[in-house]
Amino acid sequence: MSDDKNRFIKITLVRSIIGTKKSHRATIRGLGLKKLNSSSILIDTPEIRGMIHKVNYLLKCD
């Protein structure tokens, strides 16, 4: 089995969602981000990675 230790990603919204596509705004909300400079710590899964890749121009990953 894989290791039991979950890996996490911390993401921060660094650009405004004003003027972005509706699907990109929905993705940001799905990642748990609401306001500028808000952060979220998420489990590193392929689904989350795909969402981050879709809106990477708005985010900073730590």
C-alpha atoms as a PDB file:
ATOM      1  CA  MET A   1       0.000   0.000   0.000  1.00  0.00           C
ATOM      2  CA  SER A   2       0.997   3.603  -0.345  1.00  0.00           C
ATOM      3  CA  ASP A   3       2.237   5.545   2.642  1.00  0.00           C
ATOM      4  CA  ASP A   4      -0.441   6.658   5.111  1.00  0.00           C
ATOM      5  CA  LYS A   5       0.984  10.165   5.272  1.00  0.00           C
ATOM      6  CA  ASN A   6      -1.186  12.553   3.259  1.00  0.00           C
ATOM      7  CA  ARG A   7       0.547  15.292   1.340  1.00  0.00           C
ATOM      8  CA  PHE A   8      -0.910  18.770   1.405  1.00  0.00           C
ATOM      9  CA  ILE A   9      -0.769  21.808  -0.881  1.00  0.00           C
ATOM     10  CA  LYS A  10      -1.225  25.367   0.327  1.00  0.00           C
ATOM     11  CA  ILE A  11      -2.660  27.688  -2.309  1.00  0.00           C
ATOM     12  CA  THR A  12      -3.249  31.442  -2.147  1.00  0.00           C
ATOM     13  CA  LEU A  13      -5.402  33.588  -4.431  1.00  0.00           C
ATOM     14  CA  VAL A  14      -3.099  36.393  -5.590  1.00  0.00           C
ATOM     15  CA  ARG A  15      -5.052  37.852  -8.532  1.00  0.00           C
ATOM     16  CA  SER A  16      -8.640  39.035  -8.703  1.00  0.00           C
ATOM     17  CA  ILE A  17     -11.290  36.853 -10.331  1.00  0.00           C
ATOM     18  CA  ILE A  18     -12.982  39.903 -11.871  1.00  0.00           C
ATOM     19  CA  GLY A  19     -13.106  39.475 -15.637  1.00  0.00           C
ATOM     20  CA  THR A  20     -12.345  35.750 -15.626  1.00  0.00           C
ATOM     21  CA  LYS A  21     -14.492  33.020 -17.137  1.00  0.00           C
ATOM     22  CA  LYS A  22     -17.439  31.760 -15.135  1.00  0.00           C
ATOM     23  CA  SER A  23     -15.950  28.258 -14.986  1.00  0.00           C
ATOM     24  CA  HIS A  24     -12.683  29.657 -13.585  1.00  0.00           C
ATOM     25  CA  ARG A  25     -14.585  31.525 -10.867  1.00  0.00           C
ATOM     26  CA  ALA A  26     -16.400  28.303  -9.986  1.00  0.00           C
ATOM     27  CA  THR A  27     -13.076  26.453  -9.791  1.00  0.00           C
ATOM     28  CA  ILE A  28     -11.690  29.067  -7.396  1.00  0.00           C
ATOM     29  CA  ARG A  29     -14.764  28.674  -5.184  1.00  0.00           C
ATOM     30  CA  GLY A  30     -14.363  24.892  -5.375  1.00  0.00           C
ATOM     31  CA  LEU A  31     -10.817  25.232  -4.077  1.00  0.00           C
ATOM     32  CA  GLY A  32     -12.196  27.061  -1.028  1.00  0.00           C
ATOM     33  CA  LEU A  33     -10.920  30.535  -1.930  1.00  0.00           C
ATOM     34  CA  LYS A  34     -13.172  33.552  -1.560  1.00  0.00           C
ATOM     35  CA  LYS A  35     -11.246  36.804  -1.282  1.00  0.00           C
ATOM     36  CA  LEU A  36      -7.940  38.082  -2.576  1.00  0.00           C
ATOM     37  CA  ASN A  37      -5.006  36.750  -0.518  1.00  0.00           C
ATOM     38  CA  SER A  38      -7.145  34.024   1.033  1.00  0.00           C
ATOM     39  CA  SER A  39      -5.388  30.686   1.499  1.00  0.00           C
ATOM     40  CA  SER A  40      -6.492  27.089   1.561  1.00  0.00           C
ATOM     41  CA  ILE A  41      -4.671  23.902   2.531  1.00  0.00           C
ATOM     42  CA  LEU A  42      -5.825  20.921   0.494  1.00  0.00           C
ATOM     43  CA  ILE A  43      -4.905  17.252   0.183  1.00  0.00           C
ATOM     44  CA  ASP A  44      -2.732  16.632  -2.871  1.00  0.00           C
ATOM     45  CA  THR A  45      -4.913  14.591  -5.251  1.00  0.00           C
ATOM     46  CA  PRO A  46      -5.018  14.465  -9.058  1.00  0.00           C
ATOM     47  CA  GLU A  47      -8.402  16.221  -9.009  1.00  0.00           C
ATOM     48  CA  ILE A  48      -7.079  19.144  -6.947  1.00  0.00           C
ATOM     49  CA  ARG A  49      -3.958  19.331  -9.144  1.00  0.00           C
ATOM     50  CA  GLY A  50      -6.194  19.607 -12.223  1.00  0.00           C
ATOM     51  CA  MET A  51      -8.189  22.427 -10.661  1.00  0.00           C
ATOM     52  CA  ILE A  52      -4.975  24.256  -9.727  1.00  0.00           C
ATOM     53  CA  HIS A  53      -3.609  23.785 -13.251  1.00  0.00           C
ATOM     54  CA  LYS A  54      -6.789  25.270 -14.736  1.00  0.00           C
ATOM     55  CA  VAL A  55      -6.496  28.550 -12.803  1.00  0.00           C
ATOM     56  CA  ASN A  56      -2.732  28.651 -12.139  1.00  0.00           C
ATOM     57  CA  TYR A  57      -2.488  32.247 -13.408  1.00  0.00           C
ATOM     58  CA  LEU A  58      -4.550  33.375 -10.385  1.00  0.00           C
ATOM     59  CA  LEU A  59      -2.807  31.312  -7.692  1.00  0.00           C
ATOM     60  CA  LYS A  60       0.425  30.945  -5.777  1.00  0.00           C
ATOM     61  CA  CYS A  61       1.286  27.453  -4.536  1.00  0.00           C
ATOM     62  CA  ASP A  62       3.440  26.823  -1.478  1.00  0.00           C
END
